[in-house]
Amino acid sequence: MMLDGKDVEVIASRLDEATRERVAAAVDRIVAAKDRGGRVAVVTGSGPNVHEGVTTLIAAMMRAGIVDGVSTSSAVVAHEMGGTLDKVKRCQGAAVGVAERFLPRGGEFELTLMDDATLDEIRQHMPVDMSLISRLKQAEGRTIIKAAGNLGYPMGLWLELLSQEIMVLARGHGMSFEEVAGLGADPRTMIGAGAALGLPVLVTIPQLVGGGAVGLNIGDSISLRERATRLARMLSDAEVIIESAVALTQEIHDGPFERYTGHGMWSAWMGHFTYSLEGKTLVRIDLDPALEKVYQAERAGGAVQQAIAEGLPKTKLFQVPFRMEMSGFARHEGSIPIIGDIGAVWPLIAVGVAQRLGRPIDFMSYPQDTDKGREMREFIVREVRPMSRTKMIAGLHTLITKQKE
């Protein structure tokens, strides 16, 4: 699934000229960084990053040597453990005998539509109510594609239980949850690609709450301080940082160990590892027009920096809902805001960088509301497999053996 010239034109037509120019500027910065041997990190949120195929594209860019590290949300890790996207049949839970106190608003219950091999592996490690599955298959309902795992039976429940085991293994081996889970994940996921290539994939601290028990167990696998330090080292190594449809990034790109914005000053003073955003490129893909307004205000006369220097409330000053990440981003000299749909922006960035670097990408995303986007989502459901506990345990044994040698 690759973009041809016509595809590029069609997708580019969904963006205005200013946005296309920003995309081109981002491509220039990424290519220049890679030509110098620099590294590129991506900070992703969940939601549209999964549904638009962006996380699967980022994994492909990792395999192509374009992306060198990723931070993401616990929800994305949970979905990638389930295969990223899956098909479920939604039925009324009460009609198949599920107690109403368990059901979400609307009373629907989901059956994960999976092949026999996947179901057989789950049954080796968890009791599965085959009678419930039979009732769900026979009940009236509708089939949809959605982010994998989550509320689907038995996949969602299986991932919640498996996450507890992964957390214990991670703590026992001095690893993060993401590293251990990645050993059993499909290599077309970000956690799977990270494990296969030895690249960091880490959930950020603001994004730990998500994915049910998966998020809790990710949080319990390593301390907050170690997680913050690992993230800081990944961002320190990166020359370009791309933020994709994610909130609360002030606590990511200029978190507790970053000096340029001042937040990490006392950590540096006390001898902790810190880094600086100075000289880096921050690319942010976002639909919020307020980001552009604040960015332009800073470029026009340093209004954001002045507000901070004078202790003024930025929300009232700019008359916009001022999200915290706008402050550090707008003030940073190397920032590039791209106000547009990530489903259109990401494939243009990927194909632009891949062509100029001569590094083919073996998967391409498309806006999900297009014919090729719908084909892409079917491809992910069909080809990107749920993680395997058997494969994960084998991967851990291989790591232990190498460490002993």
Protein backbone atom coordinates (compact mmCIF):
# COMPACT_ATOMS: atom_id res chain seq x y z
CA MET A 1 0.00 0.00 0.00
CA MET A 2 1.97 2.95 -1.28
CA LEU A 3 1.16 6.47 -2.43
CA ASP A 4 1.44 7.21 -6.13
CA GLY A 5 1.58 10.70 -7.62
CA LYS A 6 -2.20 10.90 -7.98
CA ASP A 7 -2.71 9.86 -4.36
CA VAL A 8 -0.35 12.59 -3.20
CA GLU A 9 -2.27 15.20 -5.18
CA VAL A 10 -5.64 14.03 -3.86
CA ILE A 11 -4.49 13.99 -0.23
CA ALA A 12 -2.66 17.30 -0.56
CA SER A 13 -5.84 18.89 -1.94
CA ARG A 14 -7.49 18.27 1.44
CA LEU A 15 -5.08 20.79 3.03
CA ASP A 16 -4.86 24.52 2.40
CA GLU A 17 -1.75 26.08 0.90
CA ALA A 18 -0.36 27.31 4.22
CA THR A 19 -0.64 23.83 5.72
CA ARG A 20 1.04 22.25 2.69
CA GLU A 21 3.92 24.72 3.08
CA ARG A 22 4.29 23.73 6.74
CA VAL A 23 4.33 20.06 5.75
CA ALA A 24 7.09 20.80 3.24
CA ALA A 25 9.05 22.67 5.93
CA ALA A 26 8.70 19.72 8.30
CA VAL A 27 9.93 17.33 5.61
CA ASP A 28 12.94 19.59 4.98
CA ARG A 29 13.86 19.56 8.68
CA ILE A 30 13.48 15.79 9.01
CA VAL A 31 15.54 15.09 5.89
CA ALA A 32 18.26 17.52 6.97
CA ALA A 33 18.42 15.89 10.39
CA LYS A 34 18.66 12.37 8.99
CA ASP A 35 21.29 13.44 6.44
CA ARG A 36 23.41 14.63 9.40
CA GLY A 37 22.90 11.35 11.19
CA GLY A 38 20.38 12.92 13.58
CA ARG A 39 17.44 11.23 15.21
CA VAL A 40 13.68 11.78 14.95
CA ALA A 41 11.24 11.15 17.81
CA VAL A 42 7.46 11.04 17.60
CA VAL A 43 5.02 11.89 20.39
CA THR A 44 1.61 10.37 19.61
CA GLY A 45 -1.78 10.47 21.21
CA SER A 46 -4.41 7.79 20.79
CA GLY A 47 -7.79 8.22 19.09
CA PRO A 48 -7.25 9.32 15.49
CA ASN A 49 -3.62 8.16 15.47
CA VAL A 50 -4.93 4.59 15.67
CA HIS A 51 -8.00 4.97 13.45
CA GLU A 52 -6.18 6.86 10.67
CA GLY A 53 -3.44 4.21 10.50
CA VAL A 54 -0.84 6.70 11.79
CA THR A 55 0.59 4.43 14.50
CA THR A 56 0.98 1.65 11.92
CA LEU A 57 2.67 4.12 9.56
CA ILE A 58 5.03 5.28 12.34
CA ALA A 59 6.00 1.64 12.93
CA ALA A 60 6.80 1.36 9.22
CA MET A 61 8.89 4.53 9.44
CA MET A 62 10.77 2.96 12.35
CA ARG A 63 11.55 -0.08 10.22
CA ALA A 64 12.70 2.24 7.41
CA GLY A 65 15.15 4.00 9.74
CA ILE A 66 13.29 7.32 9.67
CA VAL A 67 11.77 7.37 13.18
CA ASP A 68 14.15 6.53 16.04
CA GLY A 69 11.90 6.65 19.10
CA VAL A 70 8.27 7.03 20.10
CA SER A 71 6.32 8.16 23.11
CA THR A 72 2.64 7.37 23.20
CA SER A 73 -0.35 6.68 25.43
CA SER A 74 -1.24 3.61 27.46
CA ALA A 75 -4.42 3.35 25.37
CA VAL A 76 -2.33 2.99 22.20
CA VAL A 77 -0.20 0.28 23.82
CA ALA A 78 -3.39 -1.58 24.81
CA HIS A 79 -4.74 -1.30 21.27
CA GLU A 80 -1.45 -2.46 19.74
CA MET A 81 -1.45 -5.45 22.08
CA GLY A 82 -4.81 -6.34 20.53
CA GLY A 83 -3.60 -5.84 16.95
CA THR A 84 -4.25 -2.07 16.62
CA LEU A 85 -7.68 -2.35 14.94
CA ASP A 86 -10.13 -5.22 15.13
CA LYS A 87 -13.65 -6.12 14.13
CA VAL A 88 -16.31 -6.56 16.78
CA LYS A 89 -19.98 -7.48 16.74
CA ARG A 90 -22.00 -5.16 18.97
CA CYS A 91 -25.13 -6.57 20.59
CA GLN A 92 -27.41 -5.67 23.46
CA GLY A 93 -25.70 -7.19 26.49
CA ALA A 94 -28.88 -7.94 28.42
CA ALA A 95 -30.16 -10.03 25.50
CA VAL A 96 -27.17 -12.40 25.77
CA GLY A 97 -27.25 -12.64 29.56
CA VAL A 98 -24.68 -10.03 30.61
CA ALA A 99 -25.65 -8.34 33.88
CA GLU A 100 -26.69 -4.73 33.34
CA ARG A 101 -24.35 -3.45 36.06
CA PHE A 102 -21.39 -4.39 33.84
CA LEU A 103 -22.67 -2.64 30.73
CA PRO A 104 -21.73 0.87 29.57
CA ARG A 105 -24.20 3.51 28.50
CA GLY A 106 -26.40 2.13 25.74
CA GLY A 107 -26.19 -1.39 27.14
CA GLU A 108 -24.08 -2.77 24.30
CA PHE A 109 -21.64 -5.67 24.61
CA GLU A 110 -19.01 -6.58 22.03
CA LEU A 111 -17.73 -9.86 20.64
CA THR A 112 -14.20 -9.70 19.24
CA LEU A 113 -14.24 -11.40 15.84
CA MET A 114 -11.01 -13.39 15.77
CA ASP A 115 -9.63 -16.47 14.08
CA ASP A 116 -9.53 -19.86 15.78
CA ALA A 117 -5.78 -19.75 16.38
CA THR A 118 -6.00 -16.53 18.38
CA LEU A 119 -8.95 -17.79 20.39
CA ASP A 120 -7.15 -21.09 21.08
CA GLU A 121 -4.11 -19.26 22.46
CA ILE A 122 -6.29 -17.15 24.75
CA ARG A 123 -8.07 -20.30 25.99
CA GLN A 124 -4.71 -21.81 26.97
CA HIS A 125 -4.25 -19.08 29.56
CA MET A 126 -7.74 -17.81 30.50
CA PRO A 127 -11.16 -19.41 30.96
CA VAL A 128 -13.36 -18.34 28.05
CA ASP A 129 -17.15 -18.51 28.21
CA MET A 130 -17.82 -20.29 24.92
CA SER A 131 -21.55 -20.28 25.63
CA LEU A 132 -21.49 -16.47 25.81
CA ILE A 133 -19.57 -16.35 22.53
CA SER A 134 -22.17 -18.62 20.93
CA ARG A 135 -25.03 -16.40 22.15
CA LEU A 136 -23.25 -13.31 20.84
CA LYS A 137 -22.76 -14.90 17.43
CA GLN A 138 -26.46 -15.70 17.20
CA ALA A 139 -27.75 -12.40 18.57
CA GLU A 140 -28.81 -9.43 16.48
CA GLY A 141 -26.10 -6.83 16.16
CA ARG A 142 -23.81 -4.91 13.86
CA THR A 143 -20.15 -5.40 12.95
CA ILE A 144 -17.74 -2.47 13.06
CA ILE A 145 -14.00 -1.80 12.97
CA LYS A 146 -12.68 -0.15 16.12
CA ALA A 147 -9.54 0.24 18.19
CA ALA A 148 -8.53 -3.27 19.20
CA GLY A 149 -9.14 -4.89 22.57
CA ASN A 150 -10.92 -2.43 24.82
CA LEU A 151 -14.48 -3.65 25.56
CA GLY A 152 -14.50 -6.62 23.16
CA TYR A 153 -14.91 -10.13 24.62
CA PRO A 154 -12.70 -12.04 25.11
CA MET A 155 -9.83 -9.88 23.78
CA GLY A 156 -10.36 -6.90 26.09
CA LEU A 157 -10.56 -9.07 29.21
CA TRP A 158 -7.57 -11.14 28.09
CA LEU A 159 -5.38 -8.07 27.64
CA GLU A 160 -6.33 -6.75 31.08
CA LEU A 161 -5.31 -10.05 32.70
CA LEU A 162 -2.18 -10.43 30.57
CA SER A 163 -1.09 -6.90 31.45
CA GLN A 164 -0.75 -7.90 35.11
CA GLU A 165 1.65 -10.69 34.15
CA ILE A 166 3.60 -8.37 31.86
CA MET A 167 4.00 -5.83 34.68
CA VAL A 168 5.41 -8.49 37.03
CA LEU A 169 7.81 -9.75 34.35
CA ALA A 170 8.92 -6.20 33.56
CA ARG A 171 9.71 -5.43 37.18
CA GLY A 172 11.52 -8.73 37.58
CA HIS A 173 13.73 -8.12 34.55
CA GLY A 174 14.32 -4.39 35.12
CA MET A 175 12.44 -3.52 31.94
CA SER A 176 9.50 -1.31 31.07
CA PHE A 177 6.08 -2.80 30.36
CA GLU A 178 6.35 -1.55 26.79
CA GLU A 179 9.61 -3.43 26.21
CA VAL A 180 8.24 -6.74 27.49
CA ALA A 181 4.88 -6.44 25.68
CA GLY A 182 6.72 -5.48 22.50
CA LEU A 183 8.50 -8.85 22.46
CA GLY A 184 5.17 -10.53 21.83
CA ALA A 185 3.62 -7.85 19.65
CA ASP A 186 3.26 -7.75 15.89
CA PRO A 187 6.31 -6.02 14.33
CA ARG A 188 3.90 -3.76 12.44
CA THR A 189 2.96 -2.11 15.73
CA MET A 190 5.12 0.58 17.33
CA ILE A 191 5.81 -1.53 20.44
CA GLY A 192 6.64 -4.51 18.24
CA ALA A 193 8.94 -2.50 15.99
CA GLY A 194 10.62 -0.96 19.03
CA ALA A 195 11.34 -4.37 20.55
CA ALA A 196 12.59 -5.81 17.26
CA LEU A 197 14.86 -2.84 16.48
CA GLY A 198 15.96 -1.87 19.98
CA LEU A 199 14.26 1.53 19.74
CA PRO A 200 12.56 3.25 22.69
CA VAL A 201 8.77 3.21 22.81
CA LEU A 202 7.49 4.72 26.05
CA VAL A 203 4.18 5.87 27.46
CA THR A 204 4.40 9.43 28.75
CA ILE A 205 3.41 10.24 32.31
CA PRO A 206 0.37 12.40 31.36
CA GLN A 207 -0.86 9.55 29.13
CA LEU A 208 -0.64 6.73 31.68
CA VAL A 209 -4.35 6.81 32.45
CA GLY A 210 -5.96 4.85 29.63
CA GLY A 211 -6.42 1.31 28.43
CA GLY A 212 -7.96 0.16 31.71
CA ALA A 213 -5.69 -2.11 33.72
CA VAL A 214 -3.10 -1.93 30.93
CA GLY A 215 -2.41 1.71 31.80
CA LEU A 216 -2.22 0.97 35.52
CA ASN A 217 0.23 -1.87 34.93
CA ILE A 218 2.34 0.24 32.59
CA GLY A 219 2.54 2.81 35.36
CA ASP A 220 3.51 0.20 37.94
CA SER A 221 6.25 -1.37 35.79
CA ILE A 222 8.85 1.37 36.39
CA SER A 223 8.92 4.40 38.68
CA LEU A 224 7.70 7.80 37.52
CA ARG A 225 11.21 9.18 37.91
CA GLU A 226 12.71 6.46 35.75
CA ARG A 227 9.97 6.91 33.15
CA ALA A 228 10.59 10.68 33.06
CA THR A 229 14.34 10.11 32.73
CA ARG A 230 13.95 7.58 29.92
CA LEU A 231 11.67 9.98 28.05
CA ALA A 232 14.10 12.84 28.61
CA ARG A 233 16.98 10.79 27.20
CA MET A 234 14.93 9.87 24.13
CA LEU A 235 14.02 13.51 23.48
CA SER A 236 17.56 14.63 24.24
CA ASP A 237 18.83 12.33 21.49
CA ALA A 238 16.29 13.63 18.96
CA GLU A 239 16.97 16.54 16.62
CA VAL A 240 13.35 16.62 15.43
CA ILE A 241 10.30 15.94 17.64
CA ILE A 242 6.94 15.40 15.92
CA GLU A 243 3.81 15.70 18.05
CA SER A 244 0.73 14.06 16.57
CA ALA A 245 -2.77 14.78 17.91
CA VAL A 246 -1.69 14.69 21.54
CA ALA A 247 -2.55 16.83 24.56
CA LEU A 248 -0.54 17.88 27.62
CA THR A 249 2.76 17.92 25.77
CA GLN A 250 4.17 20.70 27.95
CA GLU A 251 4.76 17.88 30.43
CA ILE A 252 6.45 15.88 27.65
CA HIS A 253 8.65 18.08 25.47
CA ASP A 254 9.48 20.49 28.29
CA GLY A 255 8.84 18.27 31.26
CA PRO A 256 10.69 17.98 34.57
CA PHE A 257 14.16 17.49 33.05
CA GLU A 258 14.17 20.12 30.26
CA ARG A 259 16.27 23.27 30.79
CA TYR A 260 15.44 25.61 27.88
CA THR A 261 11.98 26.45 29.21
CA GLY A 262 13.26 26.49 32.76
CA HIS A 263 11.31 23.54 34.12
CA GLY A 264 14.38 21.38 34.65
CA MET A 265 16.64 24.04 36.14
CA TRP A 266 16.57 22.75 39.69
CA SER A 267 16.95 19.14 38.56
CA ALA A 268 20.11 20.16 36.71
CA TRP A 269 21.22 22.17 39.77
CA MET A 270 20.87 19.03 41.93
CA GLY A 271 22.76 16.80 39.49
CA HIS A 272 19.98 14.92 37.71
CA PHE A 273 20.04 14.13 34.00
CA THR A 274 18.55 17.02 32.03
CA TYR A 275 18.46 18.15 28.41
CA SER A 276 17.63 21.24 26.37
CA LEU A 277 15.20 21.83 23.51
CA GLU A 278 17.48 24.55 22.18
CA GLY A 279 18.33 23.98 18.53
CA LYS A 280 15.74 21.24 18.04
CA THR A 281 12.73 21.26 15.71
CA LEU A 282 9.26 20.84 17.22
CA VAL A 283 6.60 19.85 14.69
CA ARG A 284 3.03 19.77 16.01
CA ILE A 285 0.14 18.30 13.99
CA ASP A 286 -3.09 19.58 15.53
CA LEU A 287 -6.58 20.65 14.51
CA ASP A 288 -6.82 23.46 17.08
CA PRO A 289 -6.75 26.88 15.32
CA ALA A 290 -5.91 28.50 18.67
CA LEU A 291 -2.41 27.01 18.33
CA GLU A 292 -1.89 28.99 15.11
CA LYS A 293 -3.18 32.19 16.72
CA VAL A 294 -0.79 31.92 19.65
CA TYR A 295 2.09 30.92 17.35
CA GLN A 296 1.51 33.99 15.18
CA ALA A 297 1.21 36.26 18.22
CA GLU A 298 4.62 35.13 19.41
CA ARG A 299 6.20 35.49 15.96
CA ALA A 300 4.73 38.98 15.56
CA GLY A 301 6.15 40.45 18.73
CA GLY A 302 7.05 37.89 21.37
CA ALA A 303 3.67 38.20 23.10
CA VAL A 304 3.80 34.77 24.77
CA GLN A 305 7.29 35.31 26.15
CA GLN A 306 6.30 38.78 27.33
CA ALA A 307 3.23 37.43 29.10
CA ILE A 308 5.35 34.88 30.92
CA ALA A 309 7.98 37.48 31.82
CA GLU A 310 5.29 39.74 33.29
CA GLY A 311 3.27 36.95 34.90
CA LEU A 312 0.15 37.71 32.85
CA PRO A 313 -2.71 35.20 32.34
CA LYS A 314 -2.30 33.99 28.75
CA THR A 315 -5.90 32.80 28.30
CA LYS A 316 -7.29 36.31 28.87
CA LEU A 317 -4.46 37.98 26.98
CA PHE A 318 -4.99 36.02 23.73
CA GLN A 319 -8.72 35.37 24.10
CA VAL A 320 -8.34 31.67 23.29
CA PRO A 321 -8.60 28.45 25.33
CA PHE A 322 -4.89 28.38 26.17
CA ARG A 323 -3.61 24.83 26.46
CA MET A 324 -0.42 24.51 28.43
CA GLU A 325 1.61 23.03 25.56
CA MET A 326 1.04 26.17 23.51
CA SER A 327 3.42 28.11 25.75
CA GLY A 328 6.64 26.19 25.22
CA PHE A 329 5.75 25.34 21.62
CA ALA A 330 4.93 28.90 20.53
CA ARG A 331 8.04 30.34 22.19
CA HIS A 332 10.38 27.76 20.67
CA GLU A 333 12.31 29.12 17.67
CA GLY A 334 12.25 25.77 15.88
CA SER A 335 8.51 25.09 16.12
CA ILE A 336 6.37 24.27 13.07
CA PRO A 337 2.58 24.13 13.65
CA ILE A 338 0.65 22.07 11.11
CA ILE A 339 -3.05 22.76 11.57
CA GLY A 340 -4.70 19.93 9.71
CA ASP A 341 -6.10 16.40 9.72
CA ILE A 342 -3.39 13.91 10.74
CA GLY A 343 -4.93 11.42 8.31
CA ALA A 344 -3.85 13.68 5.44
CA VAL A 345 -0.70 15.20 6.96
CA TRP A 346 1.13 12.03 7.96
CA PRO A 347 1.16 10.25 4.58
CA LEU A 348 2.48 13.44 2.94
CA ILE A 349 5.28 13.70 5.51
CA ALA A 350 6.10 10.00 5.20
CA VAL A 351 6.23 9.87 1.41
CA GLY A 352 8.14 13.16 1.21
CA VAL A 353 10.84 12.01 3.62
CA ALA A 354 11.04 8.46 2.26
CA GLN A 355 11.49 9.59 -1.33
CA ARG A 356 14.18 12.14 -0.54
CA LEU A 357 16.12 9.78 1.73
CA GLY A 358 15.67 6.80 -0.59
CA ARG A 359 14.22 4.68 2.22
CA PRO A 360 11.13 2.78 1.04
CA ILE A 361 8.26 2.40 3.51
CA ASP A 362 6.41 -0.93 3.44
CA PHE A 363 3.07 0.48 4.68
CA MET A 364 1.23 3.70 3.93
CA SER A 365 -1.74 5.25 5.69
CA TYR A 366 -4.61 7.11 4.03
CA PRO A 367 -7.41 9.30 5.39
CA GLN A 368 -9.91 6.81 6.81
CA ASP A 369 -12.89 8.36 5.01
CA THR A 370 -11.43 7.54 1.57
CA ASP A 371 -11.71 4.26 -0.35
CA LYS A 372 -8.02 3.54 0.19
CA GLY A 373 -8.41 4.50 3.84
CA ARG A 374 -11.15 1.93 4.26
CA GLU A 375 -8.97 -0.66 2.50
CA MET A 376 -6.10 0.30 4.83
CA ARG A 377 -8.26 -0.30 7.92
CA GLU A 378 -9.33 -3.70 6.61
CA PHE A 379 -5.64 -4.50 5.98
CA ILE A 380 -4.72 -3.64 9.57
CA VAL A 381 -7.57 -5.77 10.94
CA ARG A 382 -6.53 -8.68 8.73
CA GLU A 383 -2.74 -8.50 8.87
CA VAL A 384 -1.66 -6.88 12.14
CA ARG A 385 -1.98 -9.64 14.70
CA PRO A 386 -2.74 -9.46 18.42
CA MET A 387 0.25 -10.00 20.66
CA SER A 388 1.21 -13.54 21.56
CA ARG A 389 2.08 -14.51 25.14
CA THR A 390 4.04 -17.50 23.78
CA LYS A 391 6.13 -15.24 21.56
CA MET A 392 6.69 -12.81 24.45
CA ILE A 393 7.98 -15.51 26.80
CA ALA A 394 10.27 -16.86 24.07
CA GLY A 395 11.60 -13.36 23.46
CA LEU A 396 12.36 -12.94 27.16
CA HIS A 397 14.24 -16.25 27.25
CA THR A 398 16.31 -15.13 24.27
CA LEU A 399 17.19 -11.86 26.04
CA ILE A 400 18.17 -13.72 29.21
CA THR A 401 20.38 -16.09 27.22
CA LYS A 402 22.15 -13.19 25.48
CA GLN A 403 22.72 -11.45 28.80
CA LYS A 404 24.40 -14.58 30.19
CA GLU A 405 26.76 -14.91 27.23
